[in-house]
Protein backbone atom coordinates (compact mmCIF):
# COMPACT_ATOMS: atom_id res chain seq x y z
CA UNK A 1 26.34 46.05 18.77
CA UNK A 2 28.13 45.42 22.06
CA UNK A 3 29.99 42.21 22.80
CA UNK A 4 27.19 41.28 25.20
CA UNK A 5 24.57 41.86 22.49
CA UNK A 6 26.52 39.76 20.01
CA UNK A 7 26.90 36.95 22.53
CA UNK A 8 23.16 37.08 23.26
CA UNK A 9 22.33 36.91 19.55
CA UNK A 10 24.64 33.94 18.95
CA UNK A 11 23.29 32.18 22.01
CA UNK A 12 19.73 32.82 20.89
CA UNK A 13 20.32 31.29 17.48
CA UNK A 14 21.87 28.24 19.15
CA UNK A 15 18.70 27.90 21.19
CA UNK A 16 16.59 28.20 18.04
CA UNK A 17 18.50 25.41 16.36
CA UNK A 18 18.04 23.25 19.42
CA UNK A 19 14.31 24.04 19.68
CA UNK A 20 13.65 23.77 15.95
CA UNK A 21 11.91 27.15 15.68
CA UNK A 22 11.01 27.90 12.07
CA UNK A 23 12.92 30.67 10.28
CA UNK A 24 12.54 32.98 8.41
CA UNK A 25 9.71 34.82 10.17
CA UNK A 26 6.12 34.49 9.00
CA UNK A 27 4.53 37.25 6.89
CA UNK A 28 2.66 39.88 8.91
CA UNK A 29 -1.07 39.18 9.00
CA UNK A 30 -1.86 40.39 12.51
CA UNK A 31 -1.24 43.88 13.89
CA UNK A 32 -1.23 44.11 17.67
CA UNK A 33 -1.69 47.24 19.80
CA UNK A 34 -0.36 47.13 23.35
CA UNK A 35 2.80 45.06 23.30
CA UNK A 36 3.18 43.81 26.83
CA UNK A 37 3.61 40.63 28.83
CA UNK A 38 0.01 39.48 28.55
CA UNK A 39 -0.05 39.68 24.76
CA UNK A 40 3.15 37.68 24.57
CA UNK A 41 1.82 35.06 26.99
CA UNK A 42 -1.61 34.83 25.41
CA UNK A 43 -2.34 35.84 21.79
CA UNK A 44 1.26 35.43 20.63
CA UNK A 45 1.41 32.02 22.33
CA UNK A 46 -1.88 30.84 20.80
CA UNK A 47 -0.68 31.93 17.35
CA UNK A 48 2.68 30.24 17.77
CA UNK A 49 1.11 26.95 18.85
CA UNK A 50 -1.15 26.63 15.80
CA UNK A 51 0.91 28.28 13.04
CA UNK A 52 2.72 25.19 11.81
CA UNK A 53 2.84 26.54 8.26
CA UNK A 54 4.43 29.83 9.36
CA UNK A 55 1.66 32.01 7.87
CA UNK A 56 0.55 34.32 10.69
CA UNK A 57 3.23 36.78 11.76
CA UNK A 58 2.42 39.54 14.26
CA UNK A 59 3.60 43.14 13.98
CA UNK A 60 3.29 44.50 17.51
CA UNK A 61 3.19 48.11 18.72
CA UNK A 62 3.71 49.30 22.28
CA UNK A 63 1.64 51.94 24.02
CA UNK A 64 3.78 54.85 25.18
CA UNK A 65 6.87 52.93 26.31
CA UNK A 66 9.56 51.88 23.84
CA UNK A 67 11.28 49.34 26.09
CA UNK A 68 9.38 46.21 25.07
CA UNK A 69 9.80 47.04 21.38
CA UNK A 70 13.51 47.71 21.75
CA UNK A 71 14.08 44.46 23.63
CA UNK A 72 12.25 42.44 21.00
CA UNK A 73 13.91 44.26 18.09
CA UNK A 74 17.31 43.24 19.46
CA UNK A 75 16.08 39.63 19.62
CA UNK A 76 14.48 39.42 16.16
CA UNK A 77 11.08 39.37 17.86
CA UNK A 78 11.85 36.15 19.72
CA UNK A 79 11.28 35.63 23.42
CA UNK A 80 10.90 32.92 26.03
CA UNK A 81 7.56 32.13 27.63
CA UNK A 82 7.98 30.33 30.95
CA UNK A 83 4.91 28.36 31.94
CA UNK A 84 5.26 28.17 35.70
CA UNK A 85 3.40 25.30 37.29
CA UNK A 86 3.16 24.47 40.99
CA UNK A 87 6.21 22.19 40.72
CA UNK A 88 8.28 23.02 37.64
CA UNK A 89 8.78 25.38 34.69
CA UNK A 90 8.44 24.81 30.98
CA UNK A 91 10.32 27.26 28.76
CA UNK A 92 9.09 27.83 25.19
CA UNK A 93 10.57 30.00 22.45
CA UNK A 94 7.78 32.06 20.83
CA UNK A 95 8.50 33.18 17.23
CA UNK A 96 5.13 34.69 16.23
CA UNK A 97 6.03 38.37 16.81
CA UNK A 98 8.02 39.15 13.67
CA UNK A 99 8.34 42.92 14.14
CA UNK A 100 8.08 45.23 17.14
CA UNK A 101 7.62 49.00 17.13
CA UNK A 102 7.10 51.85 19.52
CA UNK A 103 3.56 53.15 19.68
CA UNK A 104 4.67 56.50 18.32
CA UNK A 105 5.97 54.96 15.07
CA UNK A 106 3.00 56.25 13.08
CA UNK A 107 4.48 55.49 9.67
CA UNK A 108 5.01 51.81 10.49
CA UNK A 109 1.57 51.53 12.07
CA UNK A 110 -0.26 53.11 9.12
CA UNK A 111 1.68 50.94 6.68
CA UNK A 112 0.83 47.80 8.68
CA UNK A 113 -2.90 48.63 8.78
CA UNK A 114 -2.98 49.47 5.09
CA UNK A 115 -1.10 46.34 3.99
CA UNK A 116 -3.32 43.92 1.99
CA UNK A 117 -1.95 40.96 3.96
CA UNK A 118 -3.18 42.31 7.31
CA UNK A 119 -6.32 40.45 8.37
CA UNK A 120 -6.63 41.13 12.12
CA UNK A 121 -5.94 43.86 14.67
CA UNK A 122 -5.72 42.62 18.26
CA UNK A 123 -5.54 44.90 21.30
CA UNK A 124 -4.35 44.60 24.92
CA UNK A 125 -4.24 48.19 26.17
CA UNK A 126 -5.92 47.74 29.62
CA UNK A 127 -9.46 48.79 30.39
CA UNK A 128 -8.41 52.38 31.03
CA UNK A 129 -6.55 52.57 27.72
CA UNK A 130 -9.74 52.66 25.67
CA UNK A 131 -10.76 55.99 27.22
CA UNK A 132 -14.46 55.22 26.76
CA UNK A 133 -17.53 55.92 28.84
CA UNK A 134 -19.58 53.00 30.15
CA UNK A 135 -21.76 53.34 27.04
CA UNK A 136 -18.79 53.07 24.67
CA UNK A 137 -18.60 56.74 23.72
CA UNK A 138 -15.21 58.49 23.62
CA UNK A 139 -14.69 60.12 27.01
CA UNK A 140 -14.59 63.80 26.04
CA UNK A 141 -13.73 64.73 29.63
CA UNK A 142 -10.38 63.03 29.03
CA UNK A 143 -7.86 65.63 27.85
CA UNK A 144 -6.16 63.18 25.47
CA UNK A 145 -9.48 62.23 23.86
CA UNK A 146 -10.52 65.88 23.53
CA UNK A 147 -7.21 66.72 21.84
CA UNK A 148 -7.56 63.75 19.50
CA UNK A 149 -11.07 64.77 18.47
CA UNK A 150 -9.80 68.26 17.64
CA UNK A 151 -6.96 66.74 15.60
CA UNK A 152 -9.39 64.48 13.72
CA UNK A 153 -11.71 67.40 12.95
CA UNK A 154 -8.81 69.48 11.69
CA UNK A 155 -7.62 66.61 9.51
CA UNK A 156 -11.12 66.30 8.03
CA UNK A 157 -10.71 69.85 6.75
CA UNK A 158 -7.04 69.84 5.74
CA UNK A 159 -6.79 66.29 4.42
CA UNK A 160 -3.53 65.81 6.32
CA UNK A 161 -2.92 62.74 8.50
CA UNK A 162 -3.72 63.75 12.09
CA UNK A 163 -1.31 63.35 14.98
CA UNK A 164 -3.24 61.55 17.71
CA UNK A 165 -2.32 59.95 21.01
CA UNK A 166 -5.05 57.59 22.20
CA UNK A 167 -5.15 53.99 21.04
CA UNK A 168 -8.61 54.14 19.48
CA UNK A 169 -7.82 57.36 17.62
CA UNK A 170 -4.64 55.74 16.29
CA UNK A 171 -6.72 52.77 15.18
CA UNK A 172 -9.18 55.08 13.40
CA UNK A 173 -6.36 56.79 11.52
CA UNK A 174 -4.96 53.38 10.58
CA UNK A 175 -8.33 52.18 9.32
CA UNK A 176 -8.68 55.35 7.26
CA UNK A 177 -5.30 54.57 5.69
CA UNK A 178 -6.62 51.11 4.83
CA UNK A 179 -9.82 52.53 3.33
CA UNK A 180 -7.83 55.08 1.33
CA UNK A 181 -5.90 52.35 -0.50
CA UNK A 182 -9.00 50.25 -1.11
CA UNK A 183 -8.16 47.71 1.58
CA UNK A 184 -10.20 44.59 2.19
CA UNK A 185 -12.24 43.73 5.27
CA UNK A 186 -10.50 43.29 8.61
CA UNK A 187 -11.33 42.08 12.13
CA UNK A 188 -10.66 44.20 15.25
CA UNK A 189 -10.24 42.01 18.35
CA UNK A 190 -10.00 43.77 21.75
CA UNK A 191 -8.63 41.44 24.44
CA UNK A 192 -9.14 43.45 27.62
CA UNK A 193 -11.47 42.79 30.54
CA UNK A 194 -14.56 44.78 29.57
CA UNK A 195 -18.06 43.35 29.11
CA UNK A 196 -19.00 43.32 25.43
CA UNK A 197 -15.58 44.68 24.53
CA UNK A 198 -16.12 44.23 20.80
CA UNK A 199 -19.34 46.24 20.80
CA UNK A 200 -17.85 48.91 23.07
CA UNK A 201 -14.87 49.34 20.76
CA UNK A 202 -17.16 49.42 17.71
CA UNK A 203 -19.09 52.32 19.25
CA UNK A 204 -15.95 54.21 20.20
CA UNK A 205 -14.24 53.71 16.85
CA UNK A 206 -17.40 54.63 14.93
CA UNK A 207 -17.80 57.85 16.91
CA UNK A 208 -14.19 58.88 16.38
CA UNK A 209 -14.32 57.94 12.70
CA UNK A 210 -17.28 60.28 12.20
CA UNK A 211 -15.03 63.17 13.24
CA UNK A 212 -12.53 62.31 10.51
CA UNK A 213 -14.53 61.21 7.49
CA UNK A 214 -18.12 60.44 6.56
CA UNK A 215 -16.81 57.93 4.04
CA UNK A 216 -14.84 56.16 6.76
CA UNK A 217 -17.99 55.65 8.83
CA UNK A 218 -19.74 53.97 5.89
CA UNK A 219 -16.66 51.86 5.15
CA UNK A 220 -16.43 50.66 8.75
CA UNK A 221 -19.96 49.33 8.63
CA UNK A 222 -19.16 47.04 5.71
CA UNK A 223 -15.44 46.31 6.09
CA UNK A 224 -14.66 46.01 9.82
CA UNK A 225 -15.79 43.24 12.16
CA UNK A 226 -15.51 43.86 15.90
CA UNK A 227 -14.97 40.61 17.79
CA UNK A 228 -15.82 40.31 21.49
CA UNK A 229 -13.50 38.23 23.65
CA UNK A 230 -12.90 36.90 27.12
CA UNK A 231 -9.23 36.23 27.90
CA UNK A 232 -7.63 34.46 30.83
CA UNK A 233 -4.05 33.65 31.77
CA UNK A 234 -2.41 34.96 34.92
CA UNK A 235 0.72 36.78 33.79
CA UNK A 236 2.63 38.49 36.59
CA UNK A 237 5.23 41.14 36.00
CA UNK A 238 8.64 39.71 35.23
CA UNK A 239 11.35 40.18 37.83
CA UNK A 240 15.12 40.23 37.50
CA UNK A 241 15.11 36.79 39.12
CA UNK A 242 12.80 35.54 36.35
CA UNK A 243 15.21 36.79 33.69
CA UNK A 244 18.14 35.16 35.48
CA UNK A 245 16.23 31.88 35.77
CA UNK A 246 15.50 31.85 32.03
CA UNK A 247 19.19 32.36 31.41
CA UNK A 248 20.08 29.43 33.63
CA UNK A 249 17.38 27.17 32.15
CA UNK A 250 17.89 27.99 28.46
CA UNK A 251 21.38 29.45 28.12
CA UNK A 252 19.82 32.53 26.52
CA UNK A 253 20.17 36.07 27.86
CA UNK A 254 16.55 36.92 27.06
CA UNK A 255 15.56 40.47 27.99
CA UNK A 256 11.98 40.07 26.73
CA UNK A 257 11.09 36.90 28.64
CA UNK A 258 7.64 36.54 30.19
CA UNK A 259 6.18 34.22 32.82
CA UNK A 260 2.63 32.87 32.96
CA UNK A 261 0.63 30.09 34.55
CA UNK A 262 0.09 26.94 32.45
CA UNK A 263 -3.69 27.55 32.32
CA UNK A 264 -5.06 29.64 29.46
CA UNK A 265 -8.51 30.44 28.14
CA UNK A 266 -9.76 32.45 25.17
CA UNK A 267 -13.43 32.85 24.21
CA UNK A 268 -14.23 34.72 20.98
CA UNK A 269 -17.50 35.85 19.41
CA UNK A 270 -17.55 37.48 15.99
CA UNK A 271 -16.50 37.22 12.37
CA UNK A 272 -13.04 37.12 10.81
CA UNK A 273 -13.73 38.22 7.22
CA UNK A 274 -10.11 37.82 6.08
CA UNK A 275 -9.43 34.60 7.97
CA UNK A 276 -7.65 33.80 11.22
CA UNK A 277 -5.17 31.34 12.68
CA UNK A 278 -6.59 28.01 13.89
CA UNK A 279 -6.58 29.23 17.48
CA UNK A 280 -9.20 26.63 18.37
CA UNK A 281 -6.52 23.96 17.99
CA UNK A 282 -4.77 25.50 21.00
CA UNK A 283 -7.98 25.56 23.02
CA UNK A 284 -9.61 28.84 22.02
CA UNK A 285 -13.39 28.60 21.89
CA UNK A 286 -15.63 30.35 19.35
CA UNK A 287 -19.18 30.98 20.55
CA UNK A 288 -22.33 32.68 19.32
CA UNK A 289 -23.05 34.29 22.71
CA UNK A 290 -20.16 35.48 24.84
CA UNK A 291 -21.89 37.30 27.69
CA UNK A 292 -22.19 34.32 30.09
CA UNK A 293 -18.49 33.51 29.68
CA UNK A 294 -17.53 37.17 30.15
CA UNK A 295 -19.52 37.40 33.34
CA UNK A 296 -18.10 34.17 34.73
CA UNK A 297 -14.57 35.40 34.22
CA UNK A 298 -15.12 39.03 35.26
CA UNK A 299 -17.19 38.28 38.34
CA UNK A 300 -15.36 35.20 39.60
CA UNK A 301 -11.69 35.41 38.61
CA UNK A 302 -11.31 39.18 38.15
CA UNK A 303 -13.71 40.00 40.96
CA UNK A 304 -11.75 37.80 43.36
CA UNK A 305 -8.52 39.41 42.22
CA UNK A 306 -9.91 42.88 42.94
CA UNK A 307 -11.09 41.76 46.38
CA UNK A 308 -7.76 40.14 47.22
CA UNK A 309 -5.80 43.15 45.92
CA UNK A 310 -7.49 45.34 48.52
CA UNK A 311 -8.26 43.04 51.44
CA UNK A 312 -5.05 41.07 51.02
CA UNK A 313 -2.88 44.16 51.15
CA UNK A 314 -4.79 45.48 54.16
CA UNK A 315 -3.98 42.20 55.90
CA UNK A 316 -0.30 42.46 55.05
CA UNK A 317 -0.07 40.11 52.08
CA UNK A 318 1.94 40.70 48.94
CA UNK A 319 0.74 38.08 46.43
CA UNK A 320 -2.44 36.26 45.47
CA UNK A 321 -1.05 32.97 46.80
CA UNK A 322 -0.32 34.54 50.20
CA UNK A 323 -3.75 36.16 50.38
CA UNK A 324 -5.78 33.11 49.38
CA UNK A 325 -3.97 31.11 52.08
CA UNK A 326 -5.38 33.56 54.66
CA UNK A 327 -8.74 32.12 55.88
CA UNK A 328 -10.29 35.58 56.19
CA UNK A 329 -9.41 36.44 52.58
CA UNK A 330 -10.40 32.98 51.35
CA UNK A 331 -13.79 33.17 53.08
CA UNK A 332 -14.39 36.63 51.60
CA UNK A 333 -13.65 35.29 48.12
CA UNK A 334 -16.04 32.36 48.57
CA UNK A 335 -18.76 34.73 49.78
CA UNK A 336 -18.23 36.96 46.74
CA UNK A 337 -18.42 33.93 44.46
CA UNK A 338 -21.65 32.83 46.14
CA UNK A 339 -23.22 36.20 45.33
CA UNK A 340 -22.02 36.15 41.72
CA UNK A 341 -23.16 32.55 41.21
CA UNK A 342 -26.76 33.61 41.84
CA UNK A 343 -26.62 35.37 38.47
CA UNK A 344 -24.71 32.85 36.35
CA UNK A 345 -26.13 29.80 34.52
CA UNK A 346 -24.44 27.12 36.63
CA UNK A 347 -25.04 24.16 34.33
CA UNK A 348 -23.89 25.89 31.15
CA UNK A 349 -20.76 27.33 32.74
CA UNK A 350 -19.90 24.51 35.19
CA UNK A 351 -19.50 27.04 37.99
CA UNK A 352 -18.48 24.60 40.73
CA UNK A 353 -15.60 23.22 38.65
CA UNK A 354 -14.57 26.72 37.59
CA UNK A 355 -14.41 27.86 41.23
CA UNK A 356 -12.35 24.82 42.19
CA UNK A 357 -9.93 25.47 39.33
CA UNK A 358 -9.59 29.11 40.37
CA UNK A 359 -8.61 28.15 43.90
CA UNK A 360 -5.90 25.83 42.58
CA UNK A 361 -4.61 28.56 40.29
CA UNK A 362 -4.60 31.15 43.07
CA UNK A 363 -2.68 28.76 45.35
CA UNK A 364 0.18 28.34 42.89
CA UNK A 365 2.82 30.09 44.99
CA UNK A 366 5.35 29.86 42.16
CA UNK A 367 3.28 32.44 40.24
CA UNK A 368 4.14 35.66 42.03
CA UNK A 369 1.01 37.59 41.12
CA UNK A 370 1.46 40.76 43.11
CA UNK A 371 -1.54 42.40 44.70
CA UNK A 372 -0.19 45.90 44.13
CA UNK A 373 -0.15 45.22 40.39
CA UNK A 374 -3.73 43.94 40.43
CA UNK A 375 -4.84 46.98 42.46
CA UNK A 376 -3.94 49.41 39.67
CA UNK A 377 -7.00 51.17 38.16
CA UNK A 378 -9.19 49.54 40.81
CA UNK A 379 -11.93 52.13 40.50
CA UNK A 380 -12.51 51.21 36.86
CA UNK A 381 -12.27 47.50 37.65
CA UNK A 382 -14.84 47.72 40.44
CA UNK A 383 -17.35 49.16 37.97
CA UNK A 384 -17.33 46.03 35.82
CA UNK A 385 -16.33 43.31 38.29
CA UNK A 386 -18.19 44.12 41.52
CA UNK A 387 -20.90 46.74 40.89
CA UNK A 388 -22.96 44.57 38.47
CA UNK A 389 -23.14 41.76 41.02
CA UNK A 390 -24.01 44.16 43.84
CA UNK A 391 -26.86 45.72 41.82
CA UNK A 392 -28.31 42.31 40.96
CA UNK A 393 -28.08 41.15 44.57
CA UNK A 394 -29.83 44.29 45.78
CA UNK A 395 -32.53 43.94 43.12
CA UNK A 396 -33.08 40.38 44.32
CA UNK A 397 -33.64 41.63 47.87
CA UNK A 398 -30.30 40.44 49.25
CA UNK A 399 -27.73 42.54 51.10
CA UNK A 400 -24.74 42.14 48.69
CA UNK A 401 -22.52 41.96 51.76
CA UNK A 402 -19.49 40.42 50.02
CA UNK A 403 -19.58 43.14 47.37
CA UNK A 404 -19.78 45.73 50.14
CA UNK A 405 -16.69 44.21 51.79
CA UNK A 406 -14.79 44.46 48.50
CA UNK A 407 -15.67 48.13 48.01
CA UNK A 408 -14.94 48.94 51.65
CA UNK A 409 -11.52 47.30 51.43
CA UNK A 410 -10.72 49.35 48.34
CA UNK A 411 -11.78 52.56 50.09
CA UNK A 412 -9.65 51.85 53.16
CA UNK A 413 -6.64 50.88 51.06
CA UNK A 414 -7.01 54.02 48.96
CA UNK A 415 -7.34 56.17 52.07
CA UNK A 416 -4.07 54.77 53.37
CA UNK A 417 -2.32 55.50 50.08
CA UNK A 418 -3.54 59.03 49.41
CA UNK A 419 -4.71 61.05 52.44
CA UNK A 420 -7.49 62.45 50.20
CA UNK A 421 -10.32 60.12 51.19
CA UNK A 422 -10.11 60.29 54.94
CA UNK A 423 -11.89 57.62 56.96
CA UNK A 424 -14.54 56.37 54.52
CA UNK A 425 -16.54 54.84 57.33
CA UNK A 426 -16.95 58.19 59.07
CA UNK A 427 -17.10 60.80 56.32
CA UNK A 428 -20.39 60.10 54.51
CA UNK A 429 -19.84 62.80 51.89
CA UNK A 430 -16.56 61.28 50.77
CA UNK A 431 -18.01 57.80 50.94
CA UNK A 432 -20.94 58.73 48.70
CA UNK A 433 -18.61 60.47 46.26
CA UNK A 434 -16.36 57.43 46.06
CA UNK A 435 -19.35 55.13 45.53
CA UNK A 436 -20.68 57.38 42.76
CA UNK A 437 -17.38 56.99 40.96
CA UNK A 438 -18.15 53.25 40.84
CA UNK A 439 -21.93 53.14 40.42
CA UNK A 440 -24.54 55.86 40.95
CA UNK A 441 -27.31 53.37 41.72
CA UNK A 442 -25.34 51.82 44.57
CA UNK A 443 -24.38 55.27 45.87
CA UNK A 444 -28.08 56.13 46.13
CA UNK A 445 -28.82 52.91 48.04
CA UNK A 446 -28.80 53.99 51.70
CA UNK A 447 -28.77 50.46 53.11
CA UNK A 448 -25.87 49.35 50.89
CA UNK A 449 -23.94 52.55 51.59
CA UNK A 450 -24.36 52.04 55.33
CA UNK A 451 -23.12 48.46 54.97
CA UNK A 452 -20.01 49.62 53.10
CA UNK A 453 -19.41 52.23 55.81
CA UNK A 454 -19.64 49.65 58.62
CA UNK A 455 -17.18 47.35 56.89
CA UNK A 456 -14.85 50.27 56.22
CA UNK A 457 -14.79 51.16 59.91
CA UNK A 458 -13.98 47.57 60.82
CA UNK A 459 -11.26 47.28 58.21
CA UNK A 460 -9.75 50.62 59.22
CA UNK A 461 -9.58 49.47 62.83
CA UNK A 462 -8.08 46.13 61.83
CA UNK A 463 -5.52 47.86 59.64
CA UNK A 464 -4.45 50.09 62.53
CA UNK A 465 -3.91 47.00 64.69
CA UNK A 466 -1.91 45.33 61.91
CA UNK A 467 0.35 48.35 61.49
CA UNK A 468 1.21 48.16 65.17
CA UNK A 469 1.47 44.34 65.22
CA UNK A 470 1.93 42.75 61.76
CA UNK A 471 2.03 39.29 63.36
CA UNK A 472 -1.66 39.69 64.29
CA UNK A 473 -2.66 38.75 60.73
CA UNK A 474 0.06 36.21 60.08
CA UNK A 475 1.27 38.42 57.25
CA UNK A 476 3.59 41.34 56.73
CA UNK A 477 3.23 44.90 55.62
CA UNK A 478 3.42 45.46 51.86
């Protein structure tokens, strides 16, 4: 341990004494896959808030990167969550992650899944990380999935533990380890932005399990509950300035600090056969039907984010707060929300209040939610955030113009980043191909396709003007 490490450890313990954080760590009862900033700001925070009796420790595993695990290992799993409001920060020490591991630590993962004390597996691996088709089947066109299926089939013959790479295949191997030792029932809780995420993951896990063991498939049906969720807390990537600010505010050199907005929301639907923390005491809501809440969040918050990520960057903005302050971007968001609201039960979901709250959250300039970050994996996000609204609007006889603007902005932004799309407003073949990657029904809709093309031409022209004169939009180039 370096002198700096030792100083950080001593400083951290001084902070713990001051904050009154309970030690020793809680026993592991939750295994988490996808150790990143959002998990620390959301599920780990919820658990920390309600675990007064120190009973629900989390053993967290990264995806492919080791960095987050290494940082937390050096800090005994402790980290600072900064809740960044419009005016001031609140720094909280979160003690609920009691062990952190790299995603490739198969021995630790299998042991954690097989442990009798483990009651829940939570997941934040991004939509793309599930490697599933829209129907929830493993995507066999994905090279990683194909290799994992071969490894599972080979293991079914040899009886040896397979070496797999994808998150769901790792989960299947872990559940087989639990079945093998006679483990009790367990809940699997995906926390990524996919409609019906619990059911999707159930289908994917069941299909992969069938490749490994017939017995495992039968065991899953009686011992594993798949819980659907809708999660919400804006959690931007941490910057060096954020780390420095935590040091100034707390006196702790915290390399695993995260920043989030004060607002949080968690809707869950499903059974927890081995129990769960009292997350409802921190505001989580347990419902019998999650679909309306999923759609509200995906179509309004996430849909607006996807629109702003494309249109905002085209207009020279860098963050959500900058983009929503631009009247053109703001009007586009309101138009998109109007289209989505046609297909949401307004009274049950209090849509007007939700929209007003979203605008306030987006305007929080102290949350530096970068548009380039949101734009990652946009093709997949458009499929679940924009395409469903566009299809419903078209079926209702309306033009779905705001959805067309969103898709056009994405196409123009992608064209500027890759040189492989060309001008999507001119090249119909490329336009149709890009639309098919989002939704085949919309790609076959000539009127909608023409509308997307017209918007793309306009946005391409506007972007060219902006590149020559950034002041014309009031923004700056990203």
